[in-house]
C-alpha atoms as a PDB file:
ATOM      1  CA  MET A   1       8.713 125.282 151.737  1.00  0.00           C
ATOM      2  CA  GLU A   2       8.158 126.573 155.085  1.00  0.00           C
ATOM      3  CA  ASN A   3       8.375 123.154 156.755  1.00  0.00           C
ATOM      4  CA  SER A   4      11.958 122.679 155.200  1.00  0.00           C
ATOM      5  CA  SER A   5      13.311 126.144 156.269  1.00  0.00           C
ATOM      6  CA  ARG A   6      12.479 125.447 159.732  1.00  0.00           C
ATOM      7  CA  LYS A   7      14.017 122.005 159.331  1.00  0.00           C
ATOM      8  CA  PHE A   8      17.166 123.399 158.162  1.00  0.00           C
ATOM      9  CA  VAL A   9      17.369 125.964 160.986  1.00  0.00           C
ATOM     10  CA  ALA A  10      16.850 123.440 163.692  1.00  0.00           C
ATOM     11  CA  GLY A  11      19.387 121.144 162.220  1.00  0.00           C
ATOM     12  CA  ALA A  12      21.796 123.940 162.019  1.00  0.00           C
ATOM     13  CA  PHE A  13      21.022 124.863 165.777  1.00  0.00           C
ATOM     14  CA  ASN A  14      21.424 121.187 166.991  1.00  0.00           C
ATOM     15  CA  LEU A  15      24.761 121.190 164.816  1.00  0.00           C
ATOM     16  CA  CYS A  16      26.012 124.194 166.535  1.00  0.00           C
ATOM     17  CA  LEU A  17      25.458 122.466 170.162  1.00  0.00           C
ATOM     18  CA  VAL A  18      26.769 118.833 168.968  1.00  0.00           C
ATOM     19  CA  LEU A  19      30.036 120.026 167.257  1.00  0.00           C
ATOM     20  CA  PRO A  20      31.763 121.306 170.335  1.00  0.00           C
ATOM     21  CA  VAL A  21      31.031 118.085 172.206  1.00  0.00           C
ATOM     22  CA  VAL A  22      32.095 116.082 168.907  1.00  0.00           C
ATOM     23  CA  ALA A  23      35.418 117.986 168.922  1.00  0.00           C
ATOM     24  CA  MET A  24      36.222 117.377 172.788  1.00  0.00           C
ATOM     25  CA  LEU A  25      35.902 113.851 172.117  1.00  0.00           C
ATOM     26  CA  TYR A  26      37.873 113.908 169.242  1.00  0.00           C
ATOM     27  CA  ALA A  27      40.547 115.694 171.137  1.00  0.00           C
ATOM     28  CA  VAL A  28      40.337 113.305 174.054  1.00  0.00           C
ATOM     29  CA  VAL A  29      40.594 110.097 171.963  1.00  0.00           C
ATOM     30  CA  ALA A  30      43.255 111.424 169.539  1.00  0.00           C
ATOM     31  CA  ALA A  31      45.866 112.809 172.194  1.00  0.00           C
ATOM     32  CA  PRO A  32      48.677 110.499 173.016  1.00  0.00           C
ATOM     33  CA  VAL A  33      47.977 108.367 176.096  1.00  0.00           C
ATOM     34  CA  ALA A  34      50.418 109.351 178.915  1.00  0.00           C
ATOM     35  CA  SER A  35      52.172 105.922 180.164  1.00  0.00           C
ATOM     36  CA  ALA A  36      54.066 105.656 183.399  1.00  0.00           C
ATOM     37  CA  GLU A  37      56.520 103.369 181.323  1.00  0.00           C
ATOM     38  CA  VAL A  38      57.927 106.039 178.948  1.00  0.00           C
ATOM     39  CA  ASP A  39      61.036 105.041 177.313  1.00  0.00           C
ATOM     40  CA  CYS A  40      63.289 106.099 174.167  1.00  0.00           C
ATOM     41  CA  ASP A  41      63.179 103.859 171.092  1.00  0.00           C
ATOM     42  CA  VAL A  42      66.126 105.306 169.561  1.00  0.00           C
ATOM     43  CA  PRO A  43      68.205 103.634 166.871  1.00  0.00           C
ATOM     44  CA  ALA A  44      71.642 102.901 168.076  1.00  0.00           C
ATOM     45  CA  SER A  45      73.360 105.202 165.098  1.00  0.00           C
ATOM     46  CA  ASN A  46      72.371 108.566 164.315  1.00  0.00           C
ATOM     47  CA  PRO A  47      72.004 109.609 160.462  1.00  0.00           C
ATOM     48  CA  SER A  48      75.140 111.319 158.757  1.00  0.00           C
ATOM     49  CA  ASN A  49      73.085 114.628 158.803  1.00  0.00           C
ATOM     50  CA  ILE A  50      72.285 114.727 162.495  1.00  0.00           C
ATOM     51  CA  GLY A  51      74.759 117.572 163.478  1.00  0.00           C
ATOM     52  CA  LEU A  52      72.337 119.802 161.217  1.00  0.00           C
ATOM     53  CA  TYR A  53      69.071 119.307 164.245  1.00  0.00           C
ATOM     54  CA  PHE A  54      71.128 119.872 167.451  1.00  0.00           C
ATOM     55  CA  GLU A  55      74.325 121.489 168.736  1.00  0.00           C
ATOM     56  CA  GLU A  56      75.822 121.107 172.070  1.00  0.00           C
ATOM     57  CA  THR A  57      76.880 124.187 174.219  1.00  0.00           C
ATOM     58  CA  SER A  58      78.248 125.217 177.246  1.00  0.00           C
ATOM     59  CA  VAL A  59      77.569 127.804 180.099  1.00  0.00           C
ATOM     60  CA  ASP A  60      81.539 128.635 179.913  1.00  0.00           C
ATOM     61  CA  ASP A  61      81.053 129.595 175.898  1.00  0.00           C
ATOM     62  CA  GLY A  62      77.914 131.792 176.276  1.00  0.00           C
ATOM     63  CA  GLY A  63      78.818 135.056 175.082  1.00  0.00           C
ATOM     64  CA  PHE A  64      78.737 138.030 176.588  1.00  0.00           C
ATOM     65  CA  TRP A  65      76.338 138.208 179.638  1.00  0.00           C
ATOM     66  CA  GLY A  66      74.639 134.999 177.741  1.00  0.00           C
ATOM     67  CA  TRP A  67      73.496 137.217 175.031  1.00  0.00           C
ATOM     68  CA  GLU A  68      74.249 135.594 171.711  1.00  0.00           C
ATOM     69  CA  SER A  69      72.938 135.681 168.469  1.00  0.00           C
ATOM     70  CA  ASN A  70      71.544 132.189 167.106  1.00  0.00           C
ATOM     71  CA  SER A  71      72.394 132.987 163.232  1.00  0.00           C
ATOM     72  CA  ASP A  72      73.544 129.236 162.835  1.00  0.00           C
ATOM     73  CA  SER A  73      70.091 127.908 163.865  1.00  0.00           C
ATOM     74  CA  THR A  74      69.269 124.178 163.704  1.00  0.00           C
ATOM     75  CA  ARG A  75      66.543 122.556 161.411  1.00  0.00           C
ATOM     76  CA  PRO A  76      63.457 121.637 162.972  1.00  0.00           C
ATOM     77  CA  LEU A  77      63.769 118.629 165.131  1.00  0.00           C
ATOM     78  CA  ASP A  78      61.765 115.494 163.481  1.00  0.00           C
ATOM     79  CA  ARG A  79      64.041 112.629 163.962  1.00  0.00           C
ATOM     80  CA  ASP A  80      65.491 110.623 166.847  1.00  0.00           C
ATOM     81  CA  PHE A  81      69.054 111.153 167.963  1.00  0.00           C
ATOM     82  CA  SER A  82      71.585 110.156 170.564  1.00  0.00           C
ATOM     83  CA  THR A  83      74.694 111.794 172.079  1.00  0.00           C
ATOM     84  CA  ASP A  84      77.042 111.759 174.818  1.00  0.00           C
ATOM     85  CA  MET A  85      78.618 114.669 176.473  1.00  0.00           C
ATOM     86  CA  THR A  86      80.831 115.845 179.737  1.00  0.00           C
ATOM     87  CA  VAL A  87      79.524 118.011 182.218  1.00  0.00           C
ATOM     88  CA  TYR A  88      82.632 119.202 184.270  1.00  0.00           C
ATOM     89  CA  ASN A  89      82.374 120.195 188.185  1.00  0.00           C
ATOM     90  CA  ASP A  90      80.847 123.815 188.632  1.00  0.00           C
ATOM     91  CA  SER A  91      79.672 123.958 185.116  1.00  0.00           C
ATOM     92  CA  ALA A  92      76.692 122.912 182.891  1.00  0.00           C
ATOM     93  CA  ASN A  93      76.150 121.715 179.327  1.00  0.00           C
ATOM     94  CA  ALA A  94      73.050 121.867 177.222  1.00  0.00           C
ATOM     95  CA  ILE A  95      71.625 120.602 173.867  1.00  0.00           C
ATOM     96  CA  ARG A  96      70.162 123.396 171.771  1.00  0.00           C
ATOM     97  CA  MET A  97      67.440 121.948 169.387  1.00  0.00           C
ATOM     98  CA  GLU A  98      64.459 123.750 167.429  1.00  0.00           C
ATOM     99  CA  LEU A  99      61.313 121.829 169.007  1.00  0.00           C
ATOM    100  CA  VAL A 100      58.293 122.773 166.392  1.00  0.00           C
ATOM    101  CA  PRO A 101      54.516 121.591 166.938  1.00  0.00           C
ATOM    102  CA  GLY A 102      53.209 118.488 165.631  1.00  0.00           C
ATOM    103  CA  TYR A 103      55.846 116.348 167.347  1.00  0.00           C
ATOM    104  CA  GLN A 104      55.986 114.399 170.700  1.00  0.00           C
ATOM    105  CA  TYR A 105      59.468 114.859 171.915  1.00  0.00           C
ATOM    106  CA  THR A 106      60.671 112.180 174.648  1.00  0.00           C
ATOM    107  CA  PHE A 107      63.926 113.186 176.342  1.00  0.00           C
ATOM    108  CA  CYS A 108      65.791 110.445 178.156  1.00  0.00           C
ATOM    109  CA  VAL A 109      68.824 111.603 180.476  1.00  0.00           C
ATOM    110  CA  TYR A 110      71.362 109.395 181.989  1.00  0.00           C
ATOM    111  CA  LEU A 111      74.252 110.405 184.276  1.00  0.00           C
ATOM    112  CA  SER A 112      77.383 108.536 185.207  1.00  0.00           C
ATOM    113  CA  PRO A 113      80.545 109.114 186.991  1.00  0.00           C
ATOM    114  CA  ASP A 114      83.774 109.743 185.031  1.00  0.00           C
ATOM    115  CA  SER A 115      86.359 106.829 185.790  1.00  0.00           C
ATOM    116  CA  GLN A 116      89.152 109.001 186.273  1.00  0.00           C
ATOM    117  CA  SER A 117      87.232 111.843 188.423  1.00  0.00           C
ATOM    118  CA  THR A 118      84.770 110.410 190.429  1.00  0.00           C
ATOM    119  CA  PRO A 119      82.314 113.156 191.715  1.00  0.00           C
ATOM    120  CA  THR A 120      82.339 113.460 195.444  1.00  0.00           C
ATOM    121  CA  MET A 121      78.537 113.430 196.110  1.00  0.00           C
ATOM    122  CA  GLY A 122      78.032 110.961 193.098  1.00  0.00           C
ATOM    123  CA  ALA A 123      76.657 111.323 189.306  1.00  0.00           C
ATOM    124  CA  VAL A 124      73.599 113.349 190.374  1.00  0.00           C
ATOM    125  CA  GLY A 125      72.754 116.618 188.768  1.00  0.00           C
ATOM    126  CA  ASP A 126      69.968 118.618 187.432  1.00  0.00           C
ATOM    127  CA  VAL A 127      68.229 118.342 184.275  1.00  0.00           C
ATOM    128  CA  TYR A 128      66.325 121.343 182.677  1.00  0.00           C
ATOM    129  CA  LEU A 129      64.368 122.327 179.728  1.00  0.00           C
ATOM    130  CA  MET A 130      64.361 125.921 178.671  1.00  0.00           C
ATOM    131  CA  ASP A 131      63.817 128.329 175.771  1.00  0.00           C
ATOM    132  CA  SER A 132      66.571 130.558 174.552  1.00  0.00           C
ATOM    133  CA  ALA A 133      65.387 133.928 176.644  1.00  0.00           C
ATOM    134  CA  ASN A 134      65.979 131.805 179.775  1.00  0.00           C
ATOM    135  CA  TRP A 135      69.194 130.015 178.466  1.00  0.00           C
ATOM    136  CA  ASP A 136      70.553 133.459 178.371  1.00  0.00           C
ATOM    137  CA  ARG A 137      69.577 134.429 181.715  1.00  0.00           C
ATOM    138  CA  TYR A 138      70.575 131.304 182.932  1.00  0.00           C
ATOM    139  CA  VAL A 139      74.186 131.622 181.136  1.00  0.00           C
ATOM    140  CA  SER A 140      74.004 135.381 183.078  1.00  0.00           C
ATOM    141  CA  SER A 141      73.278 133.966 186.088  1.00  0.00           C
ATOM    142  CA  TYR A 142      76.450 131.619 186.040  1.00  0.00           C
ATOM    143  CA  GLU A 143      78.832 134.168 185.028  1.00  0.00           C
ATOM    144  CA  SER A 144      77.790 136.547 188.107  1.00  0.00           C
ATOM    145  CA  ARG A 145      77.489 133.502 190.207  1.00  0.00           C
ATOM    146  CA  GLU A 146      79.916 134.973 192.576  1.00  0.00           C
ATOM    147  CA  TRP A 147      78.464 138.487 192.886  1.00  0.00           C
ATOM    148  CA  GLU A 148      76.743 138.425 196.272  1.00  0.00           C
ATOM    149  CA  GLU A 149      75.690 142.121 195.723  1.00  0.00           C
ATOM    150  CA  LEU A 150      73.616 141.015 192.818  1.00  0.00           C
ATOM    151  CA  GLU A 151      72.099 138.371 194.430  1.00  0.00           C
ATOM    152  CA  SER A 152      71.153 140.521 197.427  1.00  0.00           C
ATOM    153  CA  ALA A 153      69.606 143.004 194.747  1.00  0.00           C
ATOM    154  CA  VAL A 154      67.592 140.280 193.387  1.00  0.00           C
ATOM    155  CA  GLU A 155      66.343 139.015 196.587  1.00  0.00           C
ATOM    156  CA  GLU A 156      65.001 142.678 197.216  1.00  0.00           C
ATOM    157  CA  LEU A 157      62.994 143.069 194.161  1.00  0.00           C
ATOM    158  CA  PRO A 158      59.309 142.047 194.646  1.00  0.00           C
ATOM    159  CA  VAL A 159      58.242 138.362 193.886  1.00  0.00           C
ATOM    160  CA  GLU A 160      56.212 139.569 190.990  1.00  0.00           C
ATOM    161  CA  TRP A 161      58.982 141.234 189.508  1.00  0.00           C
ATOM    162  CA  ARG A 162      61.641 138.421 189.682  1.00  0.00           C
ATOM    163  CA  ASP A 163      60.454 136.541 186.720  1.00  0.00           C
ATOM    164  CA  MET A 164      61.869 139.480 184.607  1.00  0.00           C
ATOM    165  CA  VAL A 165      65.241 138.738 185.724  1.00  0.00           C
ATOM    166  CA  MET A 166      65.495 135.495 186.986  1.00  0.00           C
ATOM    167  CA  TRP A 167      65.416 132.033 184.560  1.00  0.00           C
ATOM    168  CA  LEU A 168      62.830 129.942 184.645  1.00  0.00           C
ATOM    169  CA  PRO A 169      62.334 126.296 183.278  1.00  0.00           C
ATOM    170  CA  PHE A 170      59.815 125.810 180.185  1.00  0.00           C
ATOM    171  CA  ARG A 171      56.359 126.062 181.460  1.00  0.00           C
ATOM    172  CA  ASP A 172      57.738 126.108 185.144  1.00  0.00           C
ATOM    173  CA  VAL A 173      57.682 122.474 185.133  1.00  0.00           C
ATOM    174  CA  HIS A 174      60.430 120.893 183.317  1.00  0.00           C
ATOM    175  CA  TYR A 175      62.882 121.040 185.996  1.00  0.00           C
ATOM    176  CA  TYR A 176      64.552 117.867 187.522  1.00  0.00           C
ATOM    177  CA  GLU A 177      66.594 118.380 190.413  1.00  0.00           C
ATOM    178  CA  GLY A 178      69.077 115.962 192.139  1.00  0.00           C
ATOM    179  CA  VAL A 179      68.699 112.926 189.690  1.00  0.00           C
ATOM    180  CA  SER A 180      70.736 110.412 188.044  1.00  0.00           C
ATOM    181  CA  SER A 181      68.331 109.650 185.252  1.00  0.00           C
ATOM    182  CA  GLN A 182      65.393 111.281 184.366  1.00  0.00           C
ATOM    183  CA  VAL A 183      62.828 110.567 181.565  1.00  0.00           C
ATOM    184  CA  PHE A 184      60.107 113.240 180.433  1.00  0.00           C
ATOM    185  CA  SER A 185      58.067 114.161 177.230  1.00  0.00           C
ATOM    186  CA  VAL A 186      57.047 117.610 175.928  1.00  0.00           C
ATOM    187  CA  ALA A 187      55.120 118.611 172.999  1.00  0.00           C
ATOM    188  CA  ILE A 188      54.940 122.049 171.522  1.00  0.00           C
ATOM    189  CA  ASP A 189      51.831 123.597 171.262  1.00  0.00           C
ATOM    190  CA  SER A 190      52.717 126.961 168.875  1.00  0.00           C
ATOM    191  CA  THR A 191      55.782 128.809 167.638  1.00  0.00           C
ATOM    192  CA  GLY A 192      55.028 131.817 169.529  1.00  0.00           C
ATOM    193  CA  SER A 193      54.304 135.342 168.717  1.00  0.00           C
ATOM    194  CA  ALA A 194      55.437 138.456 168.486  1.00  0.00           C
ATOM    195  CA  TRP A 195      54.843 138.883 172.255  1.00  0.00           C
ATOM    196  CA  SER A 196      56.606 135.767 173.335  1.00  0.00           C
ATOM    197  CA  SER A 197      59.807 136.032 175.345  1.00  0.00           C
ATOM    198  CA  THR A 198      62.337 135.674 172.714  1.00  0.00           C
ATOM    199  CA  PRO A 199      65.862 137.266 172.962  1.00  0.00           C
ATOM    200  CA  TRP A 200      66.210 140.768 171.371  1.00  0.00           C
ATOM    201  CA  PHE A 201      68.991 139.561 169.069  1.00  0.00           C
ATOM    202  CA  GLU A 202      67.565 136.058 168.117  1.00  0.00           C
ATOM    203  CA  GLU A 203      66.801 135.250 164.355  1.00  0.00           C
ATOM    204  CA  GLY A 204      64.986 132.528 163.257  1.00  0.00           C
ATOM    205  CA  ASP A 205      62.750 130.096 164.752  1.00  0.00           C
ATOM    206  CA  PRO A 206      62.654 129.379 168.643  1.00  0.00           C
ATOM    207  CA  GLN A 207      65.389 127.454 170.133  1.00  0.00           C
ATOM    208  CA  TYR A 208      65.141 125.083 173.174  1.00  0.00           C
ATOM    209  CA  TYR A 209      67.825 123.794 175.276  1.00  0.00           C
ATOM    210  CA  LEU A 210      68.405 120.758 177.383  1.00  0.00           C
ATOM    211  CA  VAL A 211      70.544 121.706 180.113  1.00  0.00           C
ATOM    212  CA  VAL A 212      72.349 119.218 182.295  1.00  0.00           C
ATOM    213  CA  ASP A 213      73.490 121.341 185.670  1.00  0.00           C
ATOM    214  CA  GLY A 214      76.544 120.461 187.770  1.00  0.00           C
ATOM    215  CA  TRP A 215      76.967 123.733 189.511  1.00  0.00           C
ATOM    216  CA  ASP A 216      74.917 125.384 192.505  1.00  0.00           C
ATOM    217  CA  ASN A 217      72.865 127.401 190.641  1.00  0.00           C
ATOM    218  CA  ALA A 218      70.287 130.204 192.134  1.00  0.00           C
ATOM    219  CA  ARG A 219      67.382 127.623 192.788  1.00  0.00           C
ATOM    220  CA  GLY A 220      67.277 126.602 196.177  1.00  0.00           C
ATOM    221  CA  SER A 221      65.954 123.267 195.140  1.00  0.00           C
ATOM    222  CA  ASP A 222      68.925 122.636 192.887  1.00  0.00           C
ATOM    223  CA  ARG A 223      71.811 119.864 193.450  1.00  0.00           C
ATOM    224  CA  LYS A 224      75.058 121.288 194.546  1.00  0.00           C
ATOM    225  CA  ALA A 225      78.093 120.823 192.439  1.00  0.00           C
ATOM    226  CA  ALA A 226      78.780 117.563 191.914  1.00  0.00           C
ATOM    227  CA  GLY A 227      82.428 117.913 192.860  1.00  0.00           C
ATOM    228  CA  GLY A 228      83.986 115.924 189.971  1.00  0.00           C
ATOM    229  CA  VAL A 229      83.213 115.233 186.426  1.00  0.00           C
ATOM    230  CA  MET A 230      79.929 113.398 184.825  1.00  0.00           C
ATOM    231  CA  ASN A 231      79.397 111.592 181.812  1.00  0.00           C
ATOM    232  CA  VAL A 232      75.807 112.106 180.375  1.00  0.00           C
ATOM    233  CA  GLU A 233      73.853 110.208 177.992  1.00  0.00           C
ATOM    234  CA  ILE A 234      70.773 111.725 175.996  1.00  0.00           C
ATOM    235  CA  LEU A 235      68.377 110.019 174.010  1.00  0.00           C
ATOM    236  CA  VAL A 236      66.083 111.783 172.111  1.00  0.00           C
ATOM    237  CA  ASP A 237      62.468 109.977 170.713  1.00  0.00           C
ATOM    238  CA  VAL A 238      60.600 111.998 168.004  1.00  0.00           C
ATOM    239  CA  GLU A 239      57.062 110.848 167.612  1.00  0.00           C
ATOM    240  CA  GLU A 240      54.452 112.577 165.381  1.00  0.00           C
ATOM    241  CA  ARG A 241      51.421 113.395 167.285  1.00  0.00           C
ATOM    242  CA  THR A 242      47.723 114.202 166.192  1.00  0.00           C
ATOM    243  CA  THR A 243      46.860 117.847 166.540  1.00  0.00           C
ATOM    244  CA  LEU A 244      43.532 119.537 166.123  1.00  0.00           C
ATOM    245  CA  PRO A 245      43.256 122.585 163.752  1.00  0.00           C
ATOM    246  CA  THR A 246      43.268 125.916 165.765  1.00  0.00           C
ATOM    247  CA  PHE A 247      39.653 127.064 164.682  1.00  0.00           C
ATOM    248  CA  ILE A 248      38.412 124.228 166.767  1.00  0.00           C
ATOM    249  CA  ALA A 249      39.563 126.349 170.238  1.00  0.00           C
ATOM    250  CA  TYR A 250      37.613 129.202 168.653  1.00  0.00           C
ATOM    251  CA  ILE A 251      34.587 127.001 168.083  1.00  0.00           C
ATOM    252  CA  LEU A 252      34.649 125.733 171.542  1.00  0.00           C
ATOM    253  CA  ILE A 253      35.112 129.457 173.219  1.00  0.00           C
ATOM    254  CA  ALA A 254      31.966 130.797 170.890  1.00  0.00           C
ATOM    255  CA  ALA A 255      29.977 127.996 171.080  1.00  0.00           C
ATOM    256  CA  LEU A 256      28.004 128.573 174.306  1.00  0.00           C
ATOM    257  CA  PRO A 257      27.809 132.265 173.840  1.00  0.00           C
ATOM    258  CA  ILE A 258      26.673 131.980 170.294  1.00  0.00           C
ATOM    259  CA  ALA A 259      24.179 129.198 171.690  1.00  0.00           C
ATOM    260  CA  CYS A 260      22.613 131.705 174.224  1.00  0.00           C
ATOM    261  CA  ILE A 261      22.047 134.405 171.712  1.00  0.00           C
ATOM    262  CA  VAL A 262      20.790 132.497 168.906  1.00  0.00           C
ATOM    263  CA  GLY A 263      18.997 129.893 170.874  1.00  0.00           C
ATOM    264  CA  PRO A 264      16.048 132.236 172.348  1.00  0.00           C
ATOM    265  CA  LEU A 265      16.080 134.126 169.042  1.00  0.00           C
ATOM    266  CA  ILE A 266      15.021 130.840 167.360  1.00  0.00           C
ATOM    267  CA  ILE A 267      12.667 130.091 170.161  1.00  0.00           C
ATOM    268  CA  HIS A 268      11.168 133.553 169.792  1.00  0.00           C
ATOM    269  CA  SER A 269      10.617 133.370 166.035  1.00  0.00           C
ATOM    270  CA  ARG A 270       9.277 129.979 166.154  1.00  0.00           C
ATOM    271  CA  TYR A 271       6.767 130.866 169.170  1.00  0.00           C
ATOM    272  CA  MET A 272       5.773 134.265 167.218  1.00  0.00           C
ATOM    273  CA  SER A 273       5.341 132.232 163.952  1.00  0.00           C
ATOM    274  CA  VAL A 274       2.869 129.743 165.272  1.00  0.00           C
ATOM    275  CA  GLY A 275      -0.272 131.830 165.410  1.00  0.00           C
ATOM    276  CA  LEU A 276       0.536 132.909 161.553  1.00  0.00           C
ATOM    277  CA  GLY A 277      -0.824 131.095 158.845  1.00  0.00           C
ATOM    278  CA  ASP A 278      -2.780 131.528 155.385  1.00  0.00           C
ATOM    279  CA  GLU A 279      -5.566 133.548 155.297  1.00  0.00           C
ATOM    280  CA  GLU A 280      -7.887 130.848 154.156  1.00  0.00           C
ATOM    281  CA  ASP A 281      -7.367 129.121 157.698  1.00  0.00           C
ATOM    282  CA  LEU A 282      -8.507 132.093 159.340  1.00  0.00           C
ATOM    283  CA  ARG A 283     -11.794 131.915 161.355  1.00  0.00           C
ATOM    284  CA  GLN A 284     -13.737 134.115 162.965  1.00  0.00           C
ATOM    285  CA  VAL A 285     -14.408 133.660 166.741  1.00  0.00           C
ATOM    286  CA  PRO A 286     -17.760 135.160 168.051  1.00  0.00           C
ATOM    287  CA  TYR A 287     -17.717 137.309 170.922  1.00  0.00           C
ATOM    288  CA  LEU A 288     -19.216 135.963 174.094  1.00  0.00           C
ATOM    289  CA  GLU A 289     -21.613 139.084 174.538  1.00  0.00           C
ATOM    290  CA  SER A 290     -23.444 138.095 171.358  1.00  0.00           C
ATOM    291  CA  GLU A 291     -23.405 134.473 172.118  1.00  0.00           C
ATOM    292  CA  SER A 292     -24.864 135.396 175.410  1.00  0.00           C
ATOM    293  CA  ASP A 293     -27.723 137.885 173.923  1.00  0.00           C
ATOM    294  CA  GLU A 294     -28.906 135.104 171.652  1.00  0.00           C
ATOM    295  CA  ARG A 295     -29.344 132.470 174.363  1.00  0.00           C
ATOM    296  CA  SER A 296     -31.398 135.184 176.399  1.00  0.00           C
ATOM    297  CA  GLY A 297     -33.806 135.783 173.247  1.00  0.00           C
ATOM    298  CA  GLU A 298     -34.258 132.184 172.981  1.00  0.00           C
ATOM    299  CA  ASP A 299     -35.771 131.882 176.704  1.00  0.00           C
END
């Protein structure tokens, strides 16, 4: 009985050490492999109800200072679609979508000059992916683009405070400036929390905006105004992706501290139990002094 309990404790301890490694290997194998030749495999025609999954909007109708209620929220995007839109000079258009966990979204954006109004700088613009909070700031920046006093006031703010008023692309990486075509992928890890940057007046699930920019925005690395009209073709390829349960992260984080605490305790208990046994196995060990006396008596 005692040996079986020891085997059980040892097996549980080894499982705690091996399980995080197995989970990590599974995450690496199950994750989608990034490829340099990413493309959008989108059907030629959209489903009849595709208008419920995305909506086209513009900075010109963004509402008062960009703050608008998304009461007409779209459905979670779980299917492919394609759309065309027109971006006028010194303006920007966007596609509003609800991106959700469990899917990988690949965006293919192609810009071409309008035949009736050829842009002076060619069909080259900026492509951004941003959440709804930064879209509101983006629209506010567009509406106040001629206010030099506001720009100077923002420049005087400390760098660590500018993120509170300046708009940022999603995860600070999804900005593609000065391009005529762009392909990129993104996956949403979670739907956010109460502390996430969501607008005060937003209702429902978080919304994301794929923005095609045709004006000189506040970023210094962006493309200037095109000087004409651009036609934009957008393809969105949606694929299901394998995601690990959220408790795996807690296991990976807690495995090492638990092993550092439980490991020494198990080793100590096993070390202390080595000298313990049944009373029948106890043997009396003679003292060295008695043995030496007996030998001296014989001599």
